[in-house]
Amino acid sequence: MENVVNTLLYCYPSFQSVLDGMEKLAYYKAMVSFCDSNRTVEQVEKILQINIQKERLSKIKRIVEYALSDFNKDEYKLIAEKFFNKSYGIKDEYSQRHYFRKQKNLFEKLVLKFEEMGVNEDWFEKNCSDIYFLNAKYLTIKKMGKRKTKNCKTIINI
């Protein structure tokens, strides 16, 4: 479940630009369809597929925004520093240990919020697996998690 939440949060800052790109892509595919040698039905199916993915990504964006809406300004800044590559200088306000403990607690709250909304591994597979950048990020995060676990086991066995 943590892999799904990590994926959605790390990708969230790019959702709007991807949505805008999908809209432009669908428009241009329609405008230059006369140059395409494929049958009209195939062209329309491609445009519809882009629009379906765009609608799904828009829904995912709203889900992430809803999950983030429960947090106050300071909590949001902590989340943004970790996942959205923003700098508010909050790290300097706390000891390093306290800062990371707060981030860990906020992440656990986020995981619970997403679980309450029905977001889990199965949901991700159903709704996000054909959206390339989300699936690629998910697989990368999942692979990194396995590598961390493997490294921890190696250290413990020594």
C-alpha atoms as a PDB file:
ATOM      1  CA  MET A   1       0.000   0.000   0.000  1.00  0.00           C
ATOM      2  CA  GLU A   2       2.863   2.368   0.804  1.00  0.00           C
ATOM      3  CA  ASN A   3       4.176   1.930  -2.750  1.00  0.00           C
ATOM      4  CA  VAL A   4       0.854   3.150  -4.175  1.00  0.00           C
ATOM      5  CA  VAL A   5       0.748   6.201  -1.897  1.00  0.00           C
ATOM      6  CA  ASN A   6       4.384   7.034  -2.654  1.00  0.00           C
ATOM      7  CA  THR A   7       3.700   6.762  -6.381  1.00  0.00           C
ATOM      8  CA  LEU A   8       0.632   8.990  -6.278  1.00  0.00           C
ATOM      9  CA  LEU A   9       2.344  11.626  -4.153  1.00  0.00           C
ATOM     10  CA  TYR A  10       5.602  11.721  -6.104  1.00  0.00           C
ATOM     11  CA  CYS A  11       3.686  11.962  -9.398  1.00  0.00           C
ATOM     12  CA  TYR A  12       1.065  14.449  -8.193  1.00  0.00           C
ATOM     13  CA  PRO A  13       3.036  17.610  -9.130  1.00  0.00           C
ATOM     14  CA  SER A  14       3.112  16.526 -12.772  1.00  0.00           C
ATOM     15  CA  PHE A  15      -0.568  15.558 -13.043  1.00  0.00           C
ATOM     16  CA  GLN A  16      -1.755  18.914 -14.429  1.00  0.00           C
ATOM     17  CA  SER A  17       0.946  19.155 -17.095  1.00  0.00           C
ATOM     18  CA  VAL A  18       0.276  15.554 -18.166  1.00  0.00           C
ATOM     19  CA  LEU A  19      -3.471  16.285 -18.334  1.00  0.00           C
ATOM     20  CA  ASP A  20      -2.791  19.354 -20.478  1.00  0.00           C
ATOM     21  CA  GLY A  21      -0.523  17.310 -22.733  1.00  0.00           C
ATOM     22  CA  MET A  22      -3.146  14.591 -23.122  1.00  0.00           C
ATOM     23  CA  GLU A  23      -5.728  17.177 -24.127  1.00  0.00           C
ATOM     24  CA  LYS A  24      -3.396  18.654 -26.737  1.00  0.00           C
ATOM     25  CA  LEU A  25      -2.475  15.201 -28.005  1.00  0.00           C
ATOM     26  CA  ALA A  26      -6.114  14.213 -28.489  1.00  0.00           C
ATOM     27  CA  TYR A  27      -6.823  17.507 -30.257  1.00  0.00           C
ATOM     28  CA  TYR A  28      -3.854  17.202 -32.616  1.00  0.00           C
ATOM     29  CA  LYS A  29      -4.598  13.543 -33.367  1.00  0.00           C
ATOM     30  CA  ALA A  30      -8.093  14.599 -34.406  1.00  0.00           C
ATOM     31  CA  MET A  31      -6.836  17.548 -36.460  1.00  0.00           C
ATOM     32  CA  VAL A  32      -4.277  15.559 -38.436  1.00  0.00           C
ATOM     33  CA  SER A  33      -6.319  12.389 -38.748  1.00  0.00           C
ATOM     34  CA  PHE A  34      -6.621  12.895 -42.494  1.00  0.00           C
ATOM     35  CA  CYS A  35      -2.862  12.265 -42.774  1.00  0.00           C
ATOM     36  CA  ASP A  36      -3.099   8.998 -40.870  1.00  0.00           C
ATOM     37  CA  SER A  37      -3.229   5.890 -43.034  1.00  0.00           C
ATOM     38  CA  ASN A  38      -5.103   3.895 -40.385  1.00  0.00           C
ATOM     39  CA  ARG A  39      -8.820   3.317 -40.637  1.00  0.00           C
ATOM     40  CA  THR A  40     -11.078   5.953 -39.134  1.00  0.00           C
ATOM     41  CA  VAL A  41     -12.306   3.560 -36.450  1.00  0.00           C
ATOM     42  CA  GLU A  42      -8.737   2.944 -35.277  1.00  0.00           C
ATOM     43  CA  GLN A  43      -8.032   6.680 -35.167  1.00  0.00           C
ATOM     44  CA  VAL A  44     -11.163   7.344 -33.130  1.00  0.00           C
ATOM     45  CA  GLU A  45     -10.302   4.491 -30.752  1.00  0.00           C
ATOM     46  CA  LYS A  46      -6.867   6.035 -30.108  1.00  0.00           C
ATOM     47  CA  ILE A  47      -8.407   9.438 -29.380  1.00  0.00           C
ATOM     48  CA  LEU A  48     -11.027   7.860 -27.104  1.00  0.00           C
ATOM     49  CA  GLN A  49      -8.326   5.928 -25.241  1.00  0.00           C
ATOM     50  CA  ILE A  50      -6.428   9.164 -24.610  1.00  0.00           C
ATOM     51  CA  ASN A  51      -9.624  10.808 -23.324  1.00  0.00           C
ATOM     52  CA  ILE A  52     -10.421   7.840 -21.059  1.00  0.00           C
ATOM     53  CA  GLN A  53      -6.918   7.976 -19.564  1.00  0.00           C
ATOM     54  CA  LYS A  54      -7.239  11.739 -19.158  1.00  0.00           C
ATOM     55  CA  GLU A  55     -10.519  11.360 -17.256  1.00  0.00           C
ATOM     56  CA  ARG A  56      -9.022   8.675 -15.038  1.00  0.00           C
ATOM     57  CA  LEU A  57      -5.949  10.788 -14.294  1.00  0.00           C
ATOM     58  CA  SER A  58      -8.201  13.732 -13.492  1.00  0.00           C
ATOM     59  CA  LYS A  59     -10.110  11.538 -11.016  1.00  0.00           C
ATOM     60  CA  ILE A  60      -6.823  10.357  -9.468  1.00  0.00           C
ATOM     61  CA  LYS A  61      -5.723  13.978  -9.105  1.00  0.00           C
ATOM     62  CA  ARG A  62      -8.945  14.818  -7.256  1.00  0.00           C
ATOM     63  CA  ILE A  63      -8.443  11.802  -4.961  1.00  0.00           C
ATOM     64  CA  VAL A  64      -4.931  12.968  -4.034  1.00  0.00           C
ATOM     65  CA  GLU A  65      -6.168  16.522  -3.474  1.00  0.00           C
ATOM     66  CA  TYR A  66      -8.960  15.237  -1.244  1.00  0.00           C
ATOM     67  CA  ALA A  67      -6.488  13.179   0.801  1.00  0.00           C
ATOM     68  CA  LEU A  68      -4.243  16.221   1.214  1.00  0.00           C
ATOM     69  CA  SER A  69      -7.125  18.517   2.171  1.00  0.00           C
ATOM     70  CA  ASP A  70      -7.271  17.129   5.731  1.00  0.00           C
ATOM     71  CA  PHE A  71      -3.858  18.481   6.619  1.00  0.00           C
ATOM     72  CA  ASN A  72      -3.132  21.922   8.019  1.00  0.00           C
ATOM     73  CA  LYS A  73      -0.712  24.340   6.380  1.00  0.00           C
ATOM     74  CA  ASP A  74       2.394  23.177   8.260  1.00  0.00           C
ATOM     75  CA  GLU A  75       1.644  19.487   7.679  1.00  0.00           C
ATOM     76  CA  TYR A  76       1.060  20.173   3.993  1.00  0.00           C
ATOM     77  CA  LYS A  77       4.431  21.928   3.781  1.00  0.00           C
ATOM     78  CA  LEU A  78       6.148  18.898   5.321  1.00  0.00           C
ATOM     79  CA  ILE A  79       4.469  16.636   2.762  1.00  0.00           C
ATOM     80  CA  ALA A  80       5.339  19.031  -0.066  1.00  0.00           C
ATOM     81  CA  GLU A  81       8.989  19.135   0.961  1.00  0.00           C
ATOM     82  CA  LYS A  82       9.236  15.369   0.793  1.00  0.00           C
ATOM     83  CA  PHE A  83       7.113  14.538  -2.235  1.00  0.00           C
ATOM     84  CA  PHE A  84       6.698  17.696  -4.339  1.00  0.00           C
ATOM     85  CA  ASN A  85      10.316  18.878  -4.352  1.00  0.00           C
ATOM     86  CA  LYS A  86       9.405  22.166  -2.659  1.00  0.00           C
ATOM     87  CA  SER A  87      11.483  23.917  -0.043  1.00  0.00           C
ATOM     88  CA  TYR A  88       9.862  25.851   2.783  1.00  0.00           C
ATOM     89  CA  GLY A  89      12.803  25.723   5.185  1.00  0.00           C
ATOM     90  CA  ILE A  90      10.828  23.656   7.681  1.00  0.00           C
ATOM     91  CA  LYS A  91      13.724  21.236   8.023  1.00  0.00           C
ATOM     92  CA  ASP A  92      15.638  23.962   9.852  1.00  0.00           C
ATOM     93  CA  GLU A  93      12.849  24.471  12.409  1.00  0.00           C
ATOM     94  CA  TYR A  94      13.151  20.968  13.883  1.00  0.00           C
ATOM     95  CA  SER A  95      15.905  18.619  14.893  1.00  0.00           C
ATOM     96  CA  GLN A  96      16.625  16.098  12.169  1.00  0.00           C
ATOM     97  CA  ARG A  97      15.128  13.270  14.198  1.00  0.00           C
ATOM     98  CA  HIS A  98      11.934  15.221  14.957  1.00  0.00           C
ATOM     99  CA  TYR A  99      11.593  16.329  11.315  1.00  0.00           C
ATOM    100  CA  PHE A 100      11.763  12.794   9.948  1.00  0.00           C
ATOM    101  CA  ARG A 101       9.508  11.458  12.706  1.00  0.00           C
ATOM    102  CA  LYS A 102       6.872  14.071  11.764  1.00  0.00           C
ATOM    103  CA  GLN A 103       7.164  13.130   8.089  1.00  0.00           C
ATOM    104  CA  LYS A 104       6.798   9.451   8.948  1.00  0.00           C
ATOM    105  CA  ASN A 105       3.684  10.120  11.044  1.00  0.00           C
ATOM    106  CA  LEU A 106       2.149  12.265   8.298  1.00  0.00           C
ATOM    107  CA  PHE A 107       2.842   9.560   5.734  1.00  0.00           C
ATOM    108  CA  GLU A 108       1.123   6.984   7.948  1.00  0.00           C
ATOM    109  CA  LYS A 109      -1.902   9.308   8.188  1.00  0.00           C
ATOM    110  CA  LEU A 110      -1.913   9.635   4.408  1.00  0.00           C
ATOM    111  CA  VAL A 111      -1.815   5.874   3.946  1.00  0.00           C
ATOM    112  CA  LEU A 112      -4.824   5.523   6.263  1.00  0.00           C
ATOM    113  CA  LYS A 113      -6.682   8.280   4.387  1.00  0.00           C
ATOM    114  CA  PHE A 114      -6.068   6.590   1.037  1.00  0.00           C
ATOM    115  CA  GLU A 115      -7.151   3.233   2.489  1.00  0.00           C
ATOM    116  CA  GLU A 116     -10.391   4.825   3.723  1.00  0.00           C
ATOM    117  CA  MET A 117     -11.043   5.982   0.154  1.00  0.00           C
ATOM    118  CA  GLY A 118     -10.505   2.457  -1.174  1.00  0.00           C
ATOM    119  CA  VAL A 119      -7.119   3.137  -2.732  1.00  0.00           C
ATOM    120  CA  ASN A 120      -4.946   0.023  -2.565  1.00  0.00           C
ATOM    121  CA  GLU A 121      -2.814  -2.197  -4.805  1.00  0.00           C
ATOM    122  CA  ASP A 122      -5.850  -3.644  -6.618  1.00  0.00           C
ATOM    123  CA  TRP A 123      -7.328  -0.177  -7.159  1.00  0.00           C
ATOM    124  CA  PHE A 124      -4.003   1.019  -8.561  1.00  0.00           C
ATOM    125  CA  GLU A 125      -3.778  -1.955 -10.923  1.00  0.00           C
ATOM    126  CA  LYS A 126      -7.306  -1.309 -12.180  1.00  0.00           C
ATOM    127  CA  ASN A 127      -7.076   2.486 -12.536  1.00  0.00           C
ATOM    128  CA  CYS A 128      -3.441   3.337 -13.145  1.00  0.00           C
ATOM    129  CA  SER A 129      -1.633   0.446 -14.805  1.00  0.00           C
ATOM    130  CA  ASP A 130      -2.209   1.734 -18.343  1.00  0.00           C
ATOM    131  CA  ILE A 131      -1.108   5.298 -17.522  1.00  0.00           C
ATOM    132  CA  TYR A 132       2.539   4.897 -18.422  1.00  0.00           C
ATOM    133  CA  PHE A 133       4.260   7.417 -16.144  1.00  0.00           C
ATOM    134  CA  LEU A 134       2.311   6.252 -13.062  1.00  0.00           C
ATOM    135  CA  ASN A 135       3.001   2.592 -13.739  1.00  0.00           C
ATOM    136  CA  ALA A 136       6.695   3.257 -14.433  1.00  0.00           C
ATOM    137  CA  LYS A 137       7.066   5.217 -11.175  1.00  0.00           C
ATOM    138  CA  TYR A 138       5.187   2.523  -9.243  1.00  0.00           C
ATOM    139  CA  LEU A 139       7.453  -0.239 -10.570  1.00  0.00           C
ATOM    140  CA  THR A 140      10.547   1.826  -9.716  1.00  0.00           C
ATOM    141  CA  ILE A 141       9.342   2.498  -6.156  1.00  0.00           C
ATOM    142  CA  LYS A 142       8.398  -1.146  -5.694  1.00  0.00           C
ATOM    143  CA  LYS A 143      11.818  -2.264  -6.945  1.00  0.00           C
ATOM    144  CA  MET A 144      13.589   0.182  -4.599  1.00  0.00           C
ATOM    145  CA  GLY A 145      11.554  -1.124  -1.657  1.00  0.00           C
ATOM    146  CA  LYS A 146      12.586  -4.695  -2.407  1.00  0.00           C
ATOM    147  CA  ARG A 147      16.198  -3.617  -2.674  1.00  0.00           C
ATOM    148  CA  LYS A 148      16.015  -1.904   0.754  1.00  0.00           C
ATOM    149  CA  THR A 149      14.477  -5.021   2.296  1.00  0.00           C
ATOM    150  CA  LYS A 150      17.122  -7.210   0.699  1.00  0.00           C
ATOM    151  CA  ASN A 151      19.927  -4.941   1.968  1.00  0.00           C
ATOM    152  CA  CYS A 152      18.458  -4.955   5.487  1.00  0.00           C
ATOM    153  CA  LYS A 153      18.391  -8.756   5.522  1.00  0.00           C
ATOM    154  CA  THR A 154      22.006  -8.838   4.381  1.00  0.00           C
ATOM    155  CA  ILE A 155      23.072  -6.535   7.205  1.00  0.00           C
ATOM    156  CA  ILE A 156      21.134  -8.533   9.786  1.00  0.00           C
ATOM    157  CA  ASN A 157      22.707 -11.811   8.613  1.00  0.00           C
ATOM    158  CA  ILE A 158      26.225 -10.475   9.085  1.00  0.00           C
END
